[in-house]
N, C-alpha and C. Protein backbone atom coordinates (compact mmCIF):
# COMPACT_ATOMS: atom_id res chain seq x y z
N MET A 1 67.63 -23.64 136.18
CA MET A 1 67.94 -22.96 137.37
C MET A 1 66.88 -22.86 138.28
N LYS A 2 65.68 -22.68 137.80
CA LYS A 2 64.46 -22.61 138.72
C LYS A 2 64.21 -23.86 139.45
N TYR A 3 64.54 -24.95 138.83
CA TYR A 3 64.36 -26.37 139.46
C TYR A 3 65.41 -26.38 140.62
N LEU A 4 66.57 -25.81 140.49
CA LEU A 4 67.58 -25.75 141.61
C LEU A 4 66.96 -25.14 142.88
N TYR A 5 66.19 -24.12 142.71
CA TYR A 5 65.60 -23.41 143.80
C TYR A 5 64.62 -24.51 144.41
N THR A 6 63.86 -25.22 143.59
CA THR A 6 62.93 -26.18 144.12
C THR A 6 63.67 -27.15 144.99
N VAL A 7 64.74 -27.58 144.52
CA VAL A 7 65.56 -28.54 145.35
C VAL A 7 66.02 -27.98 146.67
N ILE A 8 66.49 -26.74 146.67
CA ILE A 8 67.01 -26.06 147.88
C ILE A 8 65.74 -25.93 148.89
N ILE A 9 64.56 -25.44 148.29
CA ILE A 9 63.40 -25.28 149.14
C ILE A 9 63.07 -26.69 149.74
N LEU A 10 63.01 -27.66 148.96
CA LEU A 10 62.65 -29.05 149.42
C LEU A 10 63.52 -29.55 150.45
N GLY A 11 64.83 -29.23 150.38
CA GLY A 11 65.81 -29.64 151.36
C GLY A 11 65.59 -28.97 152.69
N VAL A 12 65.16 -27.75 152.67
CA VAL A 12 64.91 -27.01 153.87
C VAL A 12 63.64 -27.57 154.53
N ILE A 13 62.63 -27.93 153.73
CA ILE A 13 61.34 -28.41 154.21
C ILE A 13 61.53 -29.78 154.90
N PHE A 14 62.34 -30.63 154.27
CA PHE A 14 62.62 -32.01 154.84
C PHE A 14 63.53 -32.16 155.91
N VAL A 15 64.40 -31.23 156.18
CA VAL A 15 65.31 -31.34 157.32
C VAL A 15 64.45 -31.19 158.58
N GLY A 16 64.61 -32.26 159.40
CA GLY A 16 63.89 -32.27 160.65
C GLY A 16 62.50 -32.73 160.65
N THR A 17 61.97 -33.26 159.56
CA THR A 17 60.71 -33.77 159.54
C THR A 17 60.61 -35.08 160.37
N ARG A 18 59.85 -35.23 161.39
CA ARG A 18 59.93 -36.26 162.30
C ARG A 18 58.52 -36.95 162.42
N GLY A 19 58.61 -38.25 162.72
CA GLY A 19 57.35 -38.99 162.97
C GLY A 19 56.94 -38.74 164.43
N SER A 20 55.82 -39.54 164.86
CA SER A 20 55.26 -39.26 166.12
C SER A 20 56.21 -39.74 167.29
N GLU A 21 57.15 -40.68 167.00
CA GLU A 21 58.08 -41.20 168.07
C GLU A 21 59.47 -40.59 167.87
N GLY A 22 59.69 -39.53 167.11
CA GLY A 22 60.97 -38.96 166.91
C GLY A 22 61.80 -39.50 165.76
N GLU A 23 61.27 -40.58 165.06
CA GLU A 23 62.03 -41.13 163.97
C GLU A 23 61.79 -40.16 162.82
N THR A 24 62.89 -40.09 161.91
CA THR A 24 62.80 -39.33 160.84
C THR A 24 61.95 -39.96 159.76
N MET A 25 60.90 -39.07 159.32
CA MET A 25 60.03 -39.62 158.31
C MET A 25 60.62 -39.42 156.94
N GLY A 26 60.31 -40.30 156.12
CA GLY A 26 60.83 -40.13 154.65
C GLY A 26 60.27 -41.32 153.87
N ALA A 27 60.84 -41.35 152.71
CA ALA A 27 60.31 -42.21 151.61
C ALA A 27 60.52 -43.80 152.01
N HIS A 28 61.56 -43.99 152.93
CA HIS A 28 61.78 -45.33 153.33
C HIS A 28 60.73 -45.87 154.22
N ASN A 29 59.82 -45.13 154.67
CA ASN A 29 58.66 -45.62 155.48
C ASN A 29 57.54 -46.20 154.64
N PHE A 30 57.69 -46.29 153.41
CA PHE A 30 56.60 -46.78 152.50
C PHE A 30 57.00 -47.98 151.66
N SER A 31 56.02 -48.59 151.11
CA SER A 31 56.36 -49.77 150.22
C SER A 31 55.36 -49.83 149.10
N PHE A 32 55.69 -50.57 148.01
CA PHE A 32 54.96 -50.80 146.90
C PHE A 32 54.78 -52.25 146.68
N GLU A 33 53.72 -52.53 145.92
CA GLU A 33 53.68 -53.94 145.35
C GLU A 33 54.39 -53.89 143.87
N SER A 34 55.17 -54.80 143.66
CA SER A 34 55.92 -54.79 142.36
C SER A 34 54.84 -55.12 141.27
N ILE A 35 55.28 -54.93 140.06
CA ILE A 35 54.42 -55.29 138.96
C ILE A 35 54.15 -56.80 138.80
N ASP A 36 55.13 -57.62 139.47
CA ASP A 36 54.99 -59.05 139.56
C ASP A 36 54.31 -59.53 140.81
N GLY A 37 53.95 -58.60 141.67
CA GLY A 37 53.21 -59.02 142.90
C GLY A 37 54.07 -59.10 144.15
N ALA A 38 55.36 -59.00 144.09
CA ALA A 38 56.23 -59.04 145.22
C ALA A 38 56.18 -57.68 145.97
N GLN A 39 56.57 -57.57 147.12
CA GLN A 39 56.70 -56.27 147.96
C GLN A 39 58.08 -55.65 147.67
N ILE A 40 57.88 -54.35 147.48
CA ILE A 40 58.98 -53.48 147.31
C ILE A 40 59.04 -52.41 148.48
N PRO A 41 59.67 -52.86 149.62
CA PRO A 41 59.80 -51.91 150.75
C PRO A 41 60.79 -50.82 150.32
N MET A 42 60.46 -49.55 150.45
CA MET A 42 61.35 -48.53 150.13
C MET A 42 62.56 -48.55 151.05
N ALA A 43 62.38 -49.06 152.18
CA ALA A 43 63.52 -49.21 153.20
C ALA A 43 64.65 -50.01 152.55
N SER A 44 64.35 -50.96 151.66
CA SER A 44 65.41 -51.70 150.97
C SER A 44 66.32 -50.89 150.18
N TYR A 45 65.83 -49.64 149.86
CA TYR A 45 66.75 -48.72 149.07
C TYR A 45 67.44 -47.66 150.01
N ALA A 46 67.46 -47.95 151.32
CA ALA A 46 68.26 -47.12 152.15
C ALA A 46 69.72 -46.97 151.72
N GLY A 47 70.33 -45.83 151.65
CA GLY A 47 71.73 -45.70 151.15
C GLY A 47 71.76 -45.58 149.72
N LYS A 48 70.54 -45.68 148.95
CA LYS A 48 70.61 -45.65 147.56
C LYS A 48 69.90 -44.32 147.07
N VAL A 49 70.09 -43.87 145.88
CA VAL A 49 69.33 -42.85 145.37
C VAL A 49 68.20 -43.34 144.39
N VAL A 50 67.02 -42.96 144.61
CA VAL A 50 65.93 -43.45 143.86
C VAL A 50 65.28 -42.34 142.99
N LEU A 51 65.13 -42.59 141.71
CA LEU A 51 64.39 -41.77 140.79
C LEU A 51 63.09 -42.40 140.57
N LEU A 52 62.05 -41.80 141.19
CA LEU A 52 60.71 -42.31 141.19
C LEU A 52 59.94 -41.52 140.09
N VAL A 53 59.27 -42.35 139.19
CA VAL A 53 58.69 -41.79 138.02
C VAL A 53 57.33 -42.41 137.79
N ASN A 54 56.12 -41.68 137.83
CA ASN A 54 54.95 -42.19 137.44
C ASN A 54 54.90 -42.35 135.94
N THR A 55 54.56 -43.50 135.39
CA THR A 55 54.70 -43.76 133.89
C THR A 55 53.28 -44.15 133.29
N ALA A 56 53.33 -44.14 132.09
CA ALA A 56 52.20 -44.57 131.31
C ALA A 56 52.63 -45.02 129.86
N SER A 57 51.94 -45.95 129.30
CA SER A 57 52.30 -46.52 128.05
C SER A 57 51.85 -45.87 126.84
N PHE A 58 50.85 -45.02 126.95
CA PHE A 58 50.22 -44.37 125.77
C PHE A 58 50.23 -42.81 125.91
N CYS A 59 51.40 -42.23 126.25
CA CYS A 59 51.51 -40.88 126.59
C CYS A 59 52.67 -40.36 125.62
N GLY A 60 52.53 -39.08 125.26
CA GLY A 60 53.60 -38.39 124.46
C GLY A 60 54.87 -38.43 125.15
N PHE A 61 54.99 -38.68 126.52
CA PHE A 61 56.28 -38.81 127.17
C PHE A 61 56.75 -40.20 127.24
N THR A 62 55.93 -41.18 126.90
CA THR A 62 56.39 -42.62 126.91
C THR A 62 57.80 -42.91 126.40
N PRO A 63 58.31 -42.22 125.37
CA PRO A 63 59.65 -42.44 124.97
C PRO A 63 60.75 -42.13 126.12
N GLN A 64 60.32 -41.39 127.09
CA GLN A 64 61.18 -41.28 128.21
C GLN A 64 61.69 -42.54 128.92
N TYR A 65 60.90 -43.63 128.68
CA TYR A 65 61.30 -44.86 129.17
C TYR A 65 62.76 -45.16 128.78
N GLU A 66 63.10 -44.91 127.50
CA GLU A 66 64.46 -45.23 126.94
C GLU A 66 65.52 -44.46 127.79
N ALA A 67 65.23 -43.28 128.07
CA ALA A 67 66.29 -42.50 128.88
C ALA A 67 66.31 -43.14 130.32
N LEU A 68 65.13 -43.32 130.91
CA LEU A 68 65.23 -44.01 132.23
C LEU A 68 65.97 -45.19 132.30
N GLN A 69 65.83 -46.13 131.21
CA GLN A 69 66.58 -47.36 131.16
C GLN A 69 68.04 -47.00 131.06
N SER A 70 68.36 -46.00 130.28
CA SER A 70 69.84 -45.62 130.21
C SER A 70 70.44 -45.23 131.49
N LEU A 71 69.68 -44.36 132.30
CA LEU A 71 70.10 -43.93 133.63
C LEU A 71 70.34 -45.21 134.55
N TRP A 72 69.38 -45.95 134.48
CA TRP A 72 69.44 -47.31 135.24
C TRP A 72 70.68 -48.05 134.94
N ARG A 73 70.96 -48.21 133.58
CA ARG A 73 71.99 -49.00 133.19
C ARG A 73 73.39 -48.32 133.52
N ASP A 74 73.46 -46.99 133.46
CA ASP A 74 74.67 -46.28 133.59
C ASP A 74 75.01 -46.05 135.10
N TYR A 75 73.93 -45.97 136.03
CA TYR A 75 74.19 -45.66 137.44
C TYR A 75 73.76 -46.62 138.44
N ARG A 76 73.16 -47.76 138.02
CA ARG A 76 72.77 -48.74 139.06
C ARG A 76 73.86 -49.30 139.93
N ASP A 77 75.12 -49.59 139.23
CA ASP A 77 76.23 -49.93 140.01
C ASP A 77 76.76 -49.01 140.95
N ARG A 78 76.42 -47.86 140.85
CA ARG A 78 76.84 -46.80 141.86
C ARG A 78 75.77 -46.54 142.84
N GLY A 79 74.59 -47.16 142.74
CA GLY A 79 73.57 -46.92 143.75
C GLY A 79 72.29 -46.22 143.36
N LEU A 80 72.15 -45.99 142.05
CA LEU A 80 70.83 -45.50 141.62
C LEU A 80 69.82 -46.49 141.32
N VAL A 81 68.62 -46.35 141.81
CA VAL A 81 67.35 -47.13 141.47
C VAL A 81 66.49 -46.23 140.66
N VAL A 82 66.03 -46.74 139.49
CA VAL A 82 64.89 -46.15 138.88
C VAL A 82 63.73 -46.98 139.05
N LEU A 83 62.74 -46.35 139.66
CA LEU A 83 61.45 -46.97 140.02
C LEU A 83 60.34 -46.37 139.27
N GLY A 84 59.76 -47.21 138.35
CA GLY A 84 58.63 -46.80 137.51
C GLY A 84 57.25 -47.27 138.19
N VAL A 85 56.40 -46.22 138.25
CA VAL A 85 55.11 -46.40 138.94
C VAL A 85 54.09 -46.16 137.93
N PRO A 86 53.68 -47.22 137.23
CA PRO A 86 52.53 -47.15 136.24
C PRO A 86 51.24 -46.52 136.84
N SER A 87 50.69 -45.65 136.17
CA SER A 87 49.38 -45.02 136.58
C SER A 87 48.50 -44.58 135.51
N ASN A 88 47.27 -44.76 135.73
CA ASN A 88 46.21 -44.46 134.85
C ASN A 88 45.56 -43.11 135.15
N ASP A 89 46.08 -42.38 135.94
CA ASP A 89 45.51 -41.12 136.61
C ASP A 89 45.29 -40.00 135.53
N PHE A 90 46.09 -39.97 134.56
CA PHE A 90 46.21 -38.83 133.61
C PHE A 90 45.83 -39.31 132.21
N GLY A 91 44.67 -38.96 131.77
CA GLY A 91 44.26 -39.17 130.34
C GLY A 91 43.93 -40.65 130.03
N GLY A 92 43.84 -41.45 131.05
CA GLY A 92 43.59 -42.95 130.82
C GLY A 92 44.62 -43.55 129.89
N GLN A 93 45.93 -43.12 130.14
CA GLN A 93 46.99 -43.40 129.24
C GLN A 93 47.76 -44.76 129.63
N GLU A 94 47.26 -45.37 130.73
CA GLU A 94 47.77 -46.66 131.15
C GLU A 94 46.56 -47.64 131.55
N PRO A 95 45.79 -47.99 130.55
CA PRO A 95 44.63 -48.74 130.86
C PRO A 95 44.83 -50.29 131.02
N HIS A 96 46.02 -50.78 130.70
CA HIS A 96 46.15 -52.15 130.73
C HIS A 96 46.49 -52.82 132.14
N ALA A 97 46.54 -54.12 132.25
CA ALA A 97 46.88 -54.80 133.40
C ALA A 97 48.41 -54.90 133.54
N GLU A 98 48.83 -55.26 134.69
CA GLU A 98 50.28 -55.32 134.95
C GLU A 98 51.08 -56.12 133.90
N ASN A 99 50.59 -57.27 133.71
CA ASN A 99 51.32 -58.15 132.72
C ASN A 99 51.54 -57.50 131.39
N GLU A 100 50.45 -56.71 130.90
CA GLU A 100 50.57 -56.17 129.63
C GLU A 100 51.49 -54.92 129.78
N ILE A 101 51.45 -54.19 130.87
CA ILE A 101 52.33 -53.10 131.06
C ILE A 101 53.83 -53.50 130.99
N LYS A 102 54.10 -54.56 131.73
CA LYS A 102 55.48 -55.15 131.86
C LYS A 102 55.94 -55.47 130.35
N GLU A 103 55.06 -56.24 129.64
CA GLU A 103 55.40 -56.76 128.34
C GLU A 103 55.60 -55.57 127.40
N PHE A 104 54.81 -54.49 127.51
CA PHE A 104 55.07 -53.25 126.65
C PHE A 104 56.33 -52.63 126.94
N CYS A 105 56.75 -52.45 128.23
CA CYS A 105 57.99 -51.83 128.61
C CYS A 105 59.19 -52.61 128.18
N VAL A 106 59.13 -53.99 128.34
CA VAL A 106 60.23 -54.84 127.91
C VAL A 106 60.45 -54.94 126.48
N THR A 107 59.34 -55.00 125.80
CA THR A 107 59.37 -55.24 124.28
C THR A 107 59.81 -54.01 123.57
N ASN A 108 59.30 -52.90 124.07
CA ASN A 108 59.56 -51.62 123.37
C ASN A 108 60.74 -50.80 123.77
N PHE A 109 61.10 -51.00 125.13
CA PHE A 109 62.19 -50.14 125.64
C PHE A 109 63.21 -51.00 126.33
N SER A 110 63.14 -52.24 126.30
CA SER A 110 64.05 -53.20 127.12
C SER A 110 64.17 -52.88 128.58
N VAL A 111 63.07 -52.40 129.13
CA VAL A 111 63.11 -52.05 130.56
C VAL A 111 63.44 -53.22 131.46
N ASP A 112 64.34 -52.99 132.30
CA ASP A 112 64.58 -54.10 133.40
C ASP A 112 64.79 -53.37 134.76
N PHE A 113 64.58 -52.04 134.89
CA PHE A 113 64.45 -51.37 136.09
C PHE A 113 63.19 -51.74 136.89
N PRO A 114 63.08 -51.73 138.14
CA PRO A 114 61.86 -52.06 138.91
C PRO A 114 60.67 -51.23 138.51
N LEU A 115 59.54 -51.98 138.36
CA LEU A 115 58.18 -51.30 138.11
C LEU A 115 57.31 -51.83 139.27
N THR A 116 56.42 -50.95 139.80
CA THR A 116 55.48 -51.21 140.64
C THR A 116 54.14 -51.67 139.99
N ALA A 117 53.22 -52.29 140.71
CA ALA A 117 51.91 -52.45 140.19
C ALA A 117 51.39 -51.15 139.94
N LYS A 118 50.22 -51.10 139.14
CA LYS A 118 49.58 -49.81 138.66
C LYS A 118 49.11 -49.16 139.99
N GLN A 119 49.33 -47.87 140.21
CA GLN A 119 48.98 -47.08 141.26
C GLN A 119 48.28 -45.82 140.93
N HIS A 120 47.40 -45.31 141.87
CA HIS A 120 47.06 -43.86 141.82
C HIS A 120 48.09 -43.02 142.41
N VAL A 121 48.41 -41.91 141.79
CA VAL A 121 49.43 -41.06 142.27
C VAL A 121 48.95 -39.64 142.61
N THR A 122 47.62 -39.46 142.47
CA THR A 122 46.99 -38.19 142.82
C THR A 122 45.72 -38.40 143.45
N GLY A 123 45.20 -37.38 144.15
CA GLY A 123 43.84 -37.49 144.78
C GLY A 123 43.82 -38.28 146.09
N ALA A 124 42.60 -38.51 146.62
CA ALA A 124 42.40 -39.21 147.86
C ALA A 124 42.87 -40.66 147.77
N GLY A 125 42.89 -41.30 146.68
CA GLY A 125 43.30 -42.73 146.45
C GLY A 125 44.77 -42.82 146.15
N ALA A 126 45.50 -41.75 146.14
CA ALA A 126 46.86 -41.76 145.77
C ALA A 126 47.70 -42.81 146.70
N HIS A 127 48.72 -43.40 146.27
CA HIS A 127 49.71 -44.13 147.03
C HIS A 127 50.08 -43.33 148.17
N PRO A 128 50.29 -43.95 149.36
CA PRO A 128 50.72 -43.19 150.46
C PRO A 128 52.06 -42.40 150.29
N LEU A 129 53.06 -42.91 149.54
CA LEU A 129 54.23 -42.10 149.35
C LEU A 129 53.92 -40.80 148.54
N TYR A 130 53.14 -40.94 147.60
CA TYR A 130 52.66 -39.61 146.85
C TYR A 130 51.91 -38.67 147.89
N LYS A 131 51.08 -39.23 148.70
CA LYS A 131 50.40 -38.35 149.63
C LYS A 131 51.38 -37.72 150.58
N TRP A 132 52.36 -38.46 151.00
CA TRP A 132 53.44 -37.99 151.83
C TRP A 132 54.14 -36.77 151.22
N ILE A 133 54.58 -36.93 149.98
CA ILE A 133 55.19 -35.88 149.29
C ILE A 133 54.45 -34.60 149.17
N VAL A 134 53.16 -34.77 148.92
CA VAL A 134 52.21 -33.54 148.95
C VAL A 134 52.02 -32.98 150.28
N GLU A 135 51.95 -33.82 151.39
CA GLU A 135 51.88 -33.32 152.74
C GLU A 135 53.08 -32.49 153.21
N GLU A 136 54.14 -33.02 152.78
CA GLU A 136 55.49 -32.49 153.13
C GLU A 136 55.91 -31.25 152.33
N ALA A 137 55.72 -31.27 151.02
CA ALA A 137 56.24 -30.33 150.12
C ALA A 137 55.16 -29.42 149.41
N GLY A 138 53.85 -29.65 149.70
CA GLY A 138 52.80 -28.86 149.30
C GLY A 138 52.15 -29.44 148.01
N GLU A 139 50.99 -28.99 147.75
CA GLU A 139 50.17 -29.47 146.61
C GLU A 139 50.89 -29.23 145.30
N SER A 140 51.74 -28.21 145.14
CA SER A 140 52.51 -28.08 143.92
C SER A 140 53.48 -29.19 143.68
N ALA A 141 53.79 -29.93 144.59
CA ALA A 141 54.65 -31.15 144.35
C ALA A 141 54.00 -32.33 143.80
N ALA A 142 52.70 -32.30 143.69
CA ALA A 142 51.91 -33.46 143.27
C ALA A 142 52.11 -33.58 141.66
N PRO A 143 52.21 -34.78 141.21
CA PRO A 143 52.35 -34.91 139.81
C PRO A 143 51.24 -34.39 139.07
N ARG A 144 51.42 -33.71 137.92
CA ARG A 144 50.41 -33.01 137.16
C ARG A 144 50.20 -33.76 135.83
N TRP A 145 50.95 -34.78 135.55
CA TRP A 145 50.99 -35.52 134.26
C TRP A 145 51.87 -36.75 134.40
N ASN A 146 51.78 -37.72 133.49
CA ASN A 146 52.64 -38.79 133.49
C ASN A 146 54.13 -38.39 133.36
N PHE A 147 55.03 -39.13 133.90
CA PHE A 147 56.50 -38.92 133.85
C PHE A 147 56.99 -37.81 134.65
N HIS A 148 56.22 -37.42 135.77
CA HIS A 148 56.71 -36.51 136.86
C HIS A 148 57.84 -37.28 137.45
N LYS A 149 58.89 -36.67 137.91
CA LYS A 149 60.06 -37.31 138.46
C LYS A 149 60.38 -36.73 139.81
N TYR A 150 60.60 -37.70 140.80
CA TYR A 150 61.13 -37.33 142.08
C TYR A 150 62.51 -38.00 142.36
N LEU A 151 63.34 -37.34 142.90
CA LEU A 151 64.68 -37.88 143.33
C LEU A 151 64.63 -37.93 144.75
N ILE A 152 64.89 -39.20 145.26
CA ILE A 152 64.79 -39.47 146.70
C ILE A 152 66.27 -39.85 147.08
N GLY A 153 66.68 -39.15 148.08
CA GLY A 153 68.16 -39.28 148.51
C GLY A 153 68.39 -40.59 149.35
N PRO A 154 69.69 -40.82 149.69
CA PRO A 154 70.01 -42.01 150.32
C PRO A 154 69.25 -42.22 151.79
N LYS A 155 69.01 -41.13 152.45
CA LYS A 155 68.32 -41.17 153.70
C LYS A 155 66.82 -41.22 153.64
N GLY A 156 66.32 -41.25 152.34
CA GLY A 156 64.77 -41.19 152.20
C GLY A 156 64.26 -39.74 152.09
N GLU A 157 65.05 -38.88 151.92
CA GLU A 157 64.67 -37.44 151.84
C GLU A 157 64.31 -37.12 150.33
N LEU A 158 63.34 -36.26 150.19
CA LEU A 158 63.00 -35.83 148.77
C LEU A 158 64.02 -34.77 148.44
N ALA A 159 64.79 -35.15 147.44
CA ALA A 159 65.99 -34.26 147.05
C ALA A 159 65.64 -33.36 145.83
N GLY A 160 64.71 -33.71 145.06
CA GLY A 160 64.39 -32.91 143.88
C GLY A 160 63.15 -33.46 143.20
N LEU A 161 62.47 -32.61 142.36
CA LEU A 161 61.37 -33.11 141.62
C LEU A 161 61.40 -32.23 140.35
N TRP A 162 60.77 -32.84 139.25
CA TRP A 162 60.77 -32.27 137.89
C TRP A 162 59.43 -32.74 137.21
N PRO A 163 58.87 -31.77 136.49
CA PRO A 163 57.69 -32.05 135.74
C PRO A 163 57.96 -32.94 134.51
N SER A 164 57.02 -33.39 133.90
CA SER A 164 57.05 -34.36 132.83
C SER A 164 57.94 -33.99 131.65
N ARG A 165 57.91 -32.57 131.37
CA ARG A 165 58.67 -32.11 130.09
C ARG A 165 60.16 -32.25 130.36
N VAL A 166 60.61 -32.21 131.69
CA VAL A 166 61.97 -32.29 131.87
C VAL A 166 62.43 -33.78 131.60
N ARG A 167 63.44 -33.99 130.67
CA ARG A 167 63.80 -35.28 130.36
C ARG A 167 64.74 -35.84 131.35
N PRO A 168 64.61 -37.32 131.58
CA PRO A 168 65.40 -37.90 132.59
C PRO A 168 66.96 -37.59 132.51
N ALA A 169 67.48 -37.39 131.32
CA ALA A 169 68.95 -37.12 131.14
C ALA A 169 69.23 -35.70 131.15
N ASP A 170 68.37 -34.75 131.68
CA ASP A 170 68.50 -33.37 131.87
C ASP A 170 69.83 -33.07 132.80
N GLY A 171 70.58 -32.17 132.40
CA GLY A 171 71.86 -31.98 133.19
C GLY A 171 71.64 -31.68 134.66
N GLU A 172 70.55 -31.02 135.01
CA GLU A 172 70.33 -30.77 136.37
C GLU A 172 70.00 -32.12 137.10
N ILE A 173 69.25 -33.04 136.57
CA ILE A 173 68.95 -34.28 137.13
C ILE A 173 70.26 -35.07 137.25
N ILE A 174 70.99 -35.16 136.21
CA ILE A 174 72.22 -35.87 136.28
C ILE A 174 73.18 -35.38 137.37
N GLU A 175 73.23 -34.01 137.45
CA GLU A 175 74.16 -33.48 138.43
C GLU A 175 73.77 -33.82 139.82
N LEU A 176 72.48 -33.65 140.11
CA LEU A 176 71.98 -33.98 141.39
C LEU A 176 72.14 -35.52 141.72
N ILE A 177 71.93 -36.39 140.82
CA ILE A 177 72.09 -37.78 140.94
C ILE A 177 73.55 -38.03 141.45
N GLU A 178 74.43 -37.64 140.66
CA GLU A 178 75.91 -37.79 140.88
C GLU A 178 76.22 -37.21 142.18
N SER A 179 75.74 -36.00 142.57
CA SER A 179 76.10 -35.51 143.90
C SER A 179 75.63 -36.30 145.05
N LEU A 180 74.42 -36.81 144.97
CA LEU A 180 73.77 -37.72 146.00
C LEU A 180 74.59 -38.97 145.98
N LEU A 181 75.01 -39.62 144.92
CA LEU A 181 75.68 -40.86 144.83
C LEU A 181 77.10 -40.63 145.39
N ASP A 182 77.64 -39.50 145.34
CA ASP A 182 79.02 -39.24 145.90
C ASP A 182 79.02 -38.91 147.38
N GLU A 183 77.80 -38.74 147.89
CA GLU A 183 77.80 -38.54 149.40
C GLU A 183 78.24 -39.61 150.21
């Protein structure tokens, strides 16, 4: 229930957030490099729901890859995108190069959802999308560990966030995903 309040507060914060020329600012204004080197413009996910998760291969939460893959498999045809963002920011738990990260994910968890190139998700060097989340929702919205989850709505709005210990298949996450997909 406490996470529901977070979602409501975030909804209030993000309503009416505007850029310098009156355009609505949101996650769709950013892009990533994929784990294979191609560009992933978040604008390509307009109209879809994105579960953004900073990941690591050698973390106690690494088994969450399995649940993330299940969500991707179960909901992708309805418009859900699971986007994994490998990061070595917490405990040095993602030390490998992109090709090794991808091989690990595919071999151990049959991951076929999109993965970005390794990114910083905290601090001055954080990826701009993560900086935007913190600027808009406050420092408490920054990831505190691997497998922090952000749900981005179809219009690029931040719809929810959950810490690492909340599993991807948590009822609250599923309920919000389904609600956003039904919009």
